[in-house]
């Protein structure tokens, strides 16, 4: 399975920048769907009021799926890789 990586930077309520990647099937080309995945993730971090638009989230590249991500992508439609200030 090929997946698209969407590089995402969101300013938290405390002013720190969260950096995470949204991993989704390459067939999903609509950025609004990807942004909604990011907003769902932000809700789990109590950051749902923070903006997530094309300014914060952009397509980066395509790669082969990591087997550790595949099950979650198949069930939820996406996978999040937490990089900085996500905790």
C-alpha atoms as a PDB file:
ATOM      1  CA  UNK A   1       0.000   0.000   0.000  1.00  0.00           C
ATOM      2  CA  UNK A   2       1.243   3.461  -0.883  1.00  0.00           C
ATOM      3  CA  UNK A   3       0.485   6.294   1.544  1.00  0.00           C
ATOM      4  CA  UNK A   4       0.708  10.075   1.423  1.00  0.00           C
ATOM      5  CA  UNK A   5       2.502  11.936   4.190  1.00  0.00           C
ATOM      6  CA  UNK A   6       1.037  15.316   5.178  1.00  0.00           C
ATOM      7  CA  UNK A   7       3.450  17.430   7.217  1.00  0.00           C
ATOM      8  CA  UNK A   8       1.530  19.306   9.915  1.00  0.00           C
ATOM      9  CA  UNK A   9       2.454  22.108  12.327  1.00  0.00           C
ATOM     10  CA  UNK A  10      -0.221  23.408  14.724  1.00  0.00           C
ATOM     11  CA  UNK A  11       0.242  26.037  17.411  1.00  0.00           C
ATOM     12  CA  UNK A  12      -0.999  24.640  20.731  1.00  0.00           C
ATOM     13  CA  UNK A  13      -3.013  26.727  23.181  1.00  0.00           C
ATOM     14  CA  UNK A  14       0.179  27.164  25.236  1.00  0.00           C
ATOM     15  CA  UNK A  15       1.997  28.611  22.210  1.00  0.00           C
ATOM     16  CA  UNK A  16       4.214  25.601  21.502  1.00  0.00           C
ATOM     17  CA  UNK A  17       4.232  24.214  17.972  1.00  0.00           C
ATOM     18  CA  UNK A  18       2.966  20.647  17.586  1.00  0.00           C
ATOM     19  CA  UNK A  19       4.592  18.807  14.702  1.00  0.00           C
ATOM     20  CA  UNK A  20       2.981  15.618  13.448  1.00  0.00           C
ATOM     21  CA  UNK A  21       2.505  13.766  10.189  1.00  0.00           C
ATOM     22  CA  UNK A  22      -0.859  12.586   8.941  1.00  0.00           C
ATOM     23  CA  UNK A  23      -0.459   9.347   6.984  1.00  0.00           C
ATOM     24  CA  UNK A  24      -3.329   8.474   4.636  1.00  0.00           C
ATOM     25  CA  UNK A  25      -3.904   6.347   1.535  1.00  0.00           C
ATOM     26  CA  UNK A  26      -2.696   8.050  -1.656  1.00  0.00           C
ATOM     27  CA  UNK A  27      -6.212   7.712  -3.069  1.00  0.00           C
ATOM     28  CA  UNK A  28      -7.361  10.482  -0.708  1.00  0.00           C
ATOM     29  CA  UNK A  29      -6.551  13.647  -2.628  1.00  0.00           C
ATOM     30  CA  UNK A  30      -9.042  15.998  -0.948  1.00  0.00           C
ATOM     31  CA  UNK A  31      -7.105  18.145   1.541  1.00  0.00           C
ATOM     32  CA  UNK A  32     -10.323  18.812   3.493  1.00  0.00           C
ATOM     33  CA  UNK A  33     -10.532  15.109   4.367  1.00  0.00           C
ATOM     34  CA  UNK A  34      -6.900  15.121   5.500  1.00  0.00           C
ATOM     35  CA  UNK A  35      -7.492  18.264   7.569  1.00  0.00           C
ATOM     36  CA  UNK A  36     -10.489  16.582   9.202  1.00  0.00           C
ATOM     37  CA  UNK A  37      -8.225  13.662  10.167  1.00  0.00           C
ATOM     38  CA  UNK A  38      -5.887  16.192  11.777  1.00  0.00           C
ATOM     39  CA  UNK A  39      -8.758  17.897  13.589  1.00  0.00           C
ATOM     40  CA  UNK A  40      -9.908  14.540  14.966  1.00  0.00           C
ATOM     41  CA  UNK A  41      -6.392  13.957  16.249  1.00  0.00           C
ATOM     42  CA  UNK A  42      -6.246  17.454  17.795  1.00  0.00           C
ATOM     43  CA  UNK A  43      -9.473  16.680  19.655  1.00  0.00           C
ATOM     44  CA  UNK A  44      -7.719  13.732  21.356  1.00  0.00           C
ATOM     45  CA  UNK A  45      -5.089  16.203  22.577  1.00  0.00           C
ATOM     46  CA  UNK A  46      -7.627  18.775  23.845  1.00  0.00           C
ATOM     47  CA  UNK A  47      -6.461  21.155  21.103  1.00  0.00           C
ATOM     48  CA  UNK A  48      -9.588  20.976  18.907  1.00  0.00           C
ATOM     49  CA  UNK A  49     -10.042  24.768  18.846  1.00  0.00           C
ATOM     50  CA  UNK A  50      -6.668  25.304  17.176  1.00  0.00           C
ATOM     51  CA  UNK A  51      -6.705  26.030  13.433  1.00  0.00           C
ATOM     52  CA  UNK A  52      -5.702  23.328  10.989  1.00  0.00           C
ATOM     53  CA  UNK A  53      -5.827  24.460   7.370  1.00  0.00           C
ATOM     54  CA  UNK A  54      -3.610  24.309   4.282  1.00  0.00           C
ATOM     55  CA  UNK A  55      -1.343  26.795   6.081  1.00  0.00           C
ATOM     56  CA  UNK A  56      -0.658  24.260   8.868  1.00  0.00           C
ATOM     57  CA  UNK A  57      -0.908  21.004   6.904  1.00  0.00           C
ATOM     58  CA  UNK A  58       0.601  20.288   3.499  1.00  0.00           C
ATOM     59  CA  UNK A  59       1.288  17.262   1.349  1.00  0.00           C
ATOM     60  CA  UNK A  60       4.918  16.206   1.707  1.00  0.00           C
ATOM     61  CA  UNK A  61       5.592  12.922  -0.135  1.00  0.00           C
ATOM     62  CA  UNK A  62       4.455   9.376  -0.944  1.00  0.00           C
ATOM     63  CA  UNK A  63       5.976   6.247   0.568  1.00  0.00           C
ATOM     64  CA  UNK A  64       5.231   2.592   1.204  1.00  0.00           C
ATOM     65  CA  UNK A  65       3.150   1.944   4.286  1.00  0.00           C
ATOM     66  CA  UNK A  66       4.936   0.888   7.441  1.00  0.00           C
ATOM     67  CA  UNK A  67       3.327  -2.409   8.572  1.00  0.00           C
ATOM     68  CA  UNK A  68       2.875  -0.911  12.065  1.00  0.00           C
ATOM     69  CA  UNK A  69       0.567   1.783  10.593  1.00  0.00           C
ATOM     70  CA  UNK A  70      -1.446  -0.369   8.207  1.00  0.00           C
ATOM     71  CA  UNK A  71      -4.112  -1.737  10.570  1.00  0.00           C
ATOM     72  CA  UNK A  72      -4.986   1.710  11.905  1.00  0.00           C
ATOM     73  CA  UNK A  73      -5.133   3.139   8.382  1.00  0.00           C
ATOM     74  CA  UNK A  74      -7.466   0.338   7.328  1.00  0.00           C
ATOM     75  CA  UNK A  75      -9.774   0.892  10.329  1.00  0.00           C
ATOM     76  CA  UNK A  76      -9.621   4.692  10.877  1.00  0.00           C
ATOM     77  CA  UNK A  77      -8.512   5.831   7.452  1.00  0.00           C
ATOM     78  CA  UNK A  78      -5.305   7.473   8.683  1.00  0.00           C
ATOM     79  CA  UNK A  79      -2.363   7.220  11.062  1.00  0.00           C
ATOM     80  CA  UNK A  80      -0.613   9.976  13.042  1.00  0.00           C
ATOM     81  CA  UNK A  81       3.126  10.103  13.614  1.00  0.00           C
ATOM     82  CA  UNK A  82       3.793  12.365  16.598  1.00  0.00           C
ATOM     83  CA  UNK A  83       7.035  14.281  16.144  1.00  0.00           C
ATOM     84  CA  UNK A  84       7.293  17.303  18.496  1.00  0.00           C
ATOM     85  CA  UNK A  85       5.242  18.763  21.368  1.00  0.00           C
ATOM     86  CA  UNK A  86       2.389  16.298  20.907  1.00  0.00           C
ATOM     87  CA  UNK A  87       2.272  15.211  24.577  1.00  0.00           C
END
